[in-house]
Structures are given as C-alpha cells and as structure tokens.
C-alpha atoms as a PDB file:
ATOM      1  CA  MET A   1       7.032-153.319 -35.534  1.00  0.00           C
ATOM      2  CA  ASN A   2       3.976-152.952 -37.763  1.00  0.00           C
ATOM      3  CA  ASN A   3       4.187-153.442 -41.479  1.00  0.00           C
ATOM      4  CA  GLY A   4       2.404-151.016 -43.776  1.00  0.00           C
ATOM      5  CA  ARG A   5      -0.385-153.402 -44.693  1.00  0.00           C
ATOM      6  CA  ASP A   6      -1.274-153.992 -41.023  1.00  0.00           C
ATOM      7  CA  VAL A   7      -1.421-150.243 -40.356  1.00  0.00           C
ATOM      8  CA  VAL A   8      -3.616-149.625 -43.413  1.00  0.00           C
ATOM      9  CA  ASP A   9      -5.890-152.533 -42.467  1.00  0.00           C
ATOM     10  CA  ARG A  10      -6.379-151.031 -38.987  1.00  0.00           C
ATOM     11  CA  TYR A  11      -6.924-147.576 -40.526  1.00  0.00           C
ATOM     12  CA  PHE A  12      -9.596-148.873 -42.906  1.00  0.00           C
ATOM     13  CA  GLY A  13     -11.289-150.852 -40.129  1.00  0.00           C
ATOM     14  CA  ALA A  14     -11.425-147.743 -37.952  1.00  0.00           C
ATOM     15  CA  LEU A  15     -12.799-145.668 -40.844  1.00  0.00           C
ATOM     16  CA  THR A  16     -15.590-148.146 -41.492  1.00  0.00           C
ATOM     17  CA  THR A  17     -16.719-147.965 -37.859  1.00  0.00           C
ATOM     18  CA  ARG A  18     -16.145-144.185 -37.620  1.00  0.00           C
ATOM     19  CA  ASP A  19     -13.609-144.759 -34.853  1.00  0.00           C
ATOM     20  CA  LEU A  20     -11.744-141.492 -35.397  1.00  0.00           C
ATOM     21  CA  THR A  21      -9.830-141.892 -32.136  1.00  0.00           C
ATOM     22  CA  THR A  22      -8.142-144.999 -33.527  1.00  0.00           C
ATOM     23  CA  VAL A  23      -7.685-143.355 -36.930  1.00  0.00           C
ATOM     24  CA  ARG A  24      -5.803-140.517 -35.226  1.00  0.00           C
ATOM     25  CA  THR A  25      -3.354-142.904 -33.528  1.00  0.00           C
ATOM     26  CA  LEU A  26      -2.366-144.254 -36.951  1.00  0.00           C
ATOM     27  CA  LEU A  27      -1.552-140.825 -38.455  1.00  0.00           C
ATOM     28  CA  HIS A  28       1.573-138.708 -38.210  1.00  0.00           C
ATOM     29  CA  ASP A  29       0.889-135.231 -36.808  1.00  0.00           C
ATOM     30  CA  ASP A  30       2.259-133.741 -40.046  1.00  0.00           C
ATOM     31  CA  LEU A  31       0.133-135.946 -42.300  1.00  0.00           C
ATOM     32  CA  THR A  32      -0.390-134.556 -45.781  1.00  0.00           C
ATOM     33  CA  PHE A  33      -3.644-135.252 -47.586  1.00  0.00           C
ATOM     34  CA  THR A  34      -4.330-134.530 -51.236  1.00  0.00           C
ATOM     35  CA  GLY A  35      -7.716-135.184 -52.800  1.00  0.00           C
ATOM     36  CA  PRO A  36     -10.173-133.664 -55.259  1.00  0.00           C
ATOM     37  CA  MET A  37     -11.970-131.646 -52.556  1.00  0.00           C
ATOM     38  CA  ALA A  38      -9.098-130.603 -50.275  1.00  0.00           C
ATOM     39  CA  THR A  39      -5.377-130.391 -49.653  1.00  0.00           C
ATOM     40  CA  LEU A  40      -4.482-130.596 -45.971  1.00  0.00           C
ATOM     41  CA  ALA A  41      -1.241-130.410 -43.998  1.00  0.00           C
ATOM     42  CA  SER A  42      -2.016-131.962 -40.599  1.00  0.00           C
ATOM     43  CA  ALA A  43      -3.670-134.997 -39.086  1.00  0.00           C
ATOM     44  CA  ASP A  44      -6.048-132.804 -37.095  1.00  0.00           C
ATOM     45  CA  ASP A  45      -7.261-130.996 -40.233  1.00  0.00           C
ATOM     46  CA  TYR A  46      -7.771-134.369 -41.903  1.00  0.00           C
ATOM     47  CA  LEU A  47      -9.834-135.629 -38.945  1.00  0.00           C
ATOM     48  CA  ARG A  48     -12.046-132.531 -39.052  1.00  0.00           C
ATOM     49  CA  GLY A  49     -12.720-133.289 -42.710  1.00  0.00           C
ATOM     50  CA  LEU A  50     -13.457-136.931 -41.931  1.00  0.00           C
ATOM     51  CA  GLU A  51     -15.978-135.954 -39.268  1.00  0.00           C
ATOM     52  CA  HIS A  52     -17.869-133.954 -41.863  1.00  0.00           C
ATOM     53  CA  ILE A  53     -17.625-136.338 -44.813  1.00  0.00           C
ATOM     54  CA  THR A  54     -18.352-139.603 -42.963  1.00  0.00           C
ATOM     55  CA  ALA A  55     -21.704-138.330 -41.709  1.00  0.00           C
ATOM     56  CA  GLY A  56     -23.305-139.072 -45.097  1.00  0.00           C
ATOM     57  CA  ILE A  57     -21.667-142.467 -45.637  1.00  0.00           C
ATOM     58  CA  LEU A  58     -23.759-145.591 -45.138  1.00  0.00           C
ATOM     59  CA  ARG A  59     -20.824-148.004 -45.372  1.00  0.00           C
ATOM     60  CA  MET A  60     -17.467-148.636 -47.005  1.00  0.00           C
ATOM     61  CA  GLU A  61     -16.594-151.857 -48.813  1.00  0.00           C
ATOM     62  CA  ARG A  62     -12.983-152.633 -49.600  1.00  0.00           C
ATOM     63  CA  ARG A  63     -12.310-154.003 -53.059  1.00  0.00           C
ATOM     64  CA  GLY A  64      -8.568-154.532 -52.862  1.00  0.00           C
ATOM     65  CA  VAL A  65      -5.210-153.621 -51.372  1.00  0.00           C
ATOM     66  CA  VAL A  66      -1.798-153.798 -53.017  1.00  0.00           C
ATOM     67  CA  GLY A  67       1.670-152.953 -51.848  1.00  0.00           C
ATOM     68  CA  ASP A  68       3.881-153.625 -48.923  1.00  0.00           C
ATOM     69  CA  GLY A  69       6.390-151.820 -46.818  1.00  0.00           C
ATOM     70  CA  ASN A  70       5.706-148.098 -46.750  1.00  0.00           C
ATOM     71  CA  ASP A  71       3.596-147.742 -49.920  1.00  0.00           C
ATOM     72  CA  ILE A  72       0.085-149.160 -49.951  1.00  0.00           C
ATOM     73  CA  VAL A  73      -2.777-148.573 -52.403  1.00  0.00           C
ATOM     74  CA  GLN A  74      -6.308-149.475 -51.428  1.00  0.00           C
ATOM     75  CA  ILE A  75      -9.472-149.355 -53.491  1.00  0.00           C
ATOM     76  CA  TYR A  76     -12.890-149.282 -51.893  1.00  0.00           C
ATOM     77  CA  ASP A  77     -16.482-148.279 -52.499  1.00  0.00           C
ATOM     78  CA  VAL A  78     -18.189-145.588 -50.450  1.00  0.00           C
ATOM     79  CA  VAL A  79     -21.907-146.360 -50.297  1.00  0.00           C
ATOM     80  CA  LEU A  80     -24.161-143.297 -50.009  1.00  0.00           C
ATOM     81  CA  ASN A  81     -27.947-142.947 -50.038  1.00  0.00           C
ATOM     82  CA  ASP A  82     -27.792-141.922 -53.685  1.00  0.00           C
ATOM     83  CA  GLY A  83     -25.253-144.437 -54.983  1.00  0.00           C
ATOM     84  CA  THR A  84     -21.749-145.778 -54.705  1.00  0.00           C
ATOM     85  CA  VAL A  85     -18.473-143.918 -55.232  1.00  0.00           C
ATOM     86  CA  PRO A  86     -15.283-145.857 -56.026  1.00  0.00           C
ATOM     87  CA  VAL A  87     -12.219-144.516 -54.194  1.00  0.00           C
ATOM     88  CA  ALA A  88      -8.504-145.178 -54.614  1.00  0.00           C
ATOM     89  CA  GLU A  89      -6.019-144.131 -51.929  1.00  0.00           C
ATOM     90  CA  TRP A  90      -2.234-144.178 -52.039  1.00  0.00           C
ATOM     91  CA  LEU A  91      -0.994-144.242 -48.458  1.00  0.00           C
ATOM     92  CA  ARG A  92       2.657-143.694 -47.597  1.00  0.00           C
ATOM     93  CA  LEU A  93       3.942-144.660 -44.173  1.00  0.00           C
ATOM     94  CA  ARG A  94       6.817-143.400 -42.080  1.00  0.00           C
ATOM     95  CA  ASP A  95       7.906-144.947 -38.782  1.00  0.00           C
ATOM     96  CA  GLY A  96       4.856-147.224 -38.670  1.00  0.00           C
ATOM     97  CA  ARG A  97       2.241-144.490 -39.120  1.00  0.00           C
ATOM     98  CA  ILE A  98       0.526-142.952 -42.146  1.00  0.00           C
ATOM     99  CA  ALA A  99       2.442-139.883 -43.313  1.00  0.00           C
ATOM    100  CA  SER A 100       0.525-139.074 -46.507  1.00  0.00           C
ATOM    101  CA  ILE A 101      -2.713-139.955 -48.251  1.00  0.00           C
ATOM    102  CA  GLU A 102      -3.439-139.230 -51.890  1.00  0.00           C
ATOM    103  CA  MET A 103      -7.105-139.867 -52.686  1.00  0.00           C
ATOM    104  CA  MET A 104      -8.651-140.217 -56.115  1.00  0.00           C
ATOM    105  CA  LEU A 105     -12.432-140.190 -56.596  1.00  0.00           C
ATOM    106  CA  ASP A 106     -15.243-138.446 -58.410  1.00  0.00           C
ATOM    107  CA  PRO A 107     -16.341-135.804 -55.857  1.00  0.00           C
ATOM    108  CA  ARG A 108     -19.692-134.937 -57.465  1.00  0.00           C
ATOM    109  CA  PRO A 109     -21.818-137.247 -55.256  1.00  0.00           C
ATOM    110  CA  PHE A 110     -20.440-135.546 -52.131  1.00  0.00           C
ATOM    111  CA  ALA A 111     -21.309-132.064 -53.411  1.00  0.00           C
ATOM    112  CA  GLY A 112     -25.069-132.490 -53.069  1.00  0.00           C
ATOM    113  CA  PRO A 113     -27.719-131.707 -55.664  1.00  0.00           C
ATOM    114  CA  PRO A 114     -26.972-129.081 -58.285  1.00  0.00           C
ATOM    115  CA  ALA A 115     -28.273-125.578 -57.644  1.00  0.00           C
ATOM    116  CA  THR A 116     -31.484-124.621 -59.401  1.00  0.00           C
ATOM    117  CA  ARG A 117     -32.148-121.303 -61.029  1.00  0.00           C
END
C-alpha cells in the first residue's frame, strides 16, 4: 500500500513532466479542488484545468513537503516567462489516491497583462 508522501511525490513528478495520464491515475474520480481561480468537483474537471494552466509553465521546483499519512502539504515554485509564483498545496488522500487539493497562490501572474483603456 502506498503512503501519502509516495503518492504526492509521484503526483508532483508527473506534474513537472506534464504527464497528465499518470496524474489522473493518482486522483479519485470525485476529487475536490479549491484554489484562487477555480473550485472543481471532479478529477476530469481538474485535468482540463491543468491542461490549460500548464501550457504557460516553464518548470516547477519543489521547495518542501511536510506531513505523512493522508495529509500532505507541499510548497513549490512555478516558473513562468515573466517570473516565479510560489504555490502551497494541501493534499488529502483517501484509499491511496488524492481526494482533495487546496491550493494557495497569488493568481495575478496567470491572468495575463492588465487590460488597457
């Protein structure tokens, strides 16, 4: 049986290589995601969002992981063309797969340039 840290390590590794097929195998169908730009109620909705958001990411660099069992928090940097965005995620697992993700970040760099008048 997988422990939570192993599952989250595989999840992060798959994210960094944009291996969304592997990401999907690590998620419960009824995954809940809460973040500053969206609230989602299924793994498939989350994957559709990942497909869109990862297109502009150059790389992701993990800064740390804490927790064990079914509650893991990871902190990483998302490197974009225009800078770096620190991200914190609280991942909760159920039956060896990720059941919920709560993401905290400043969403402004993902929004694009401000509109001009």
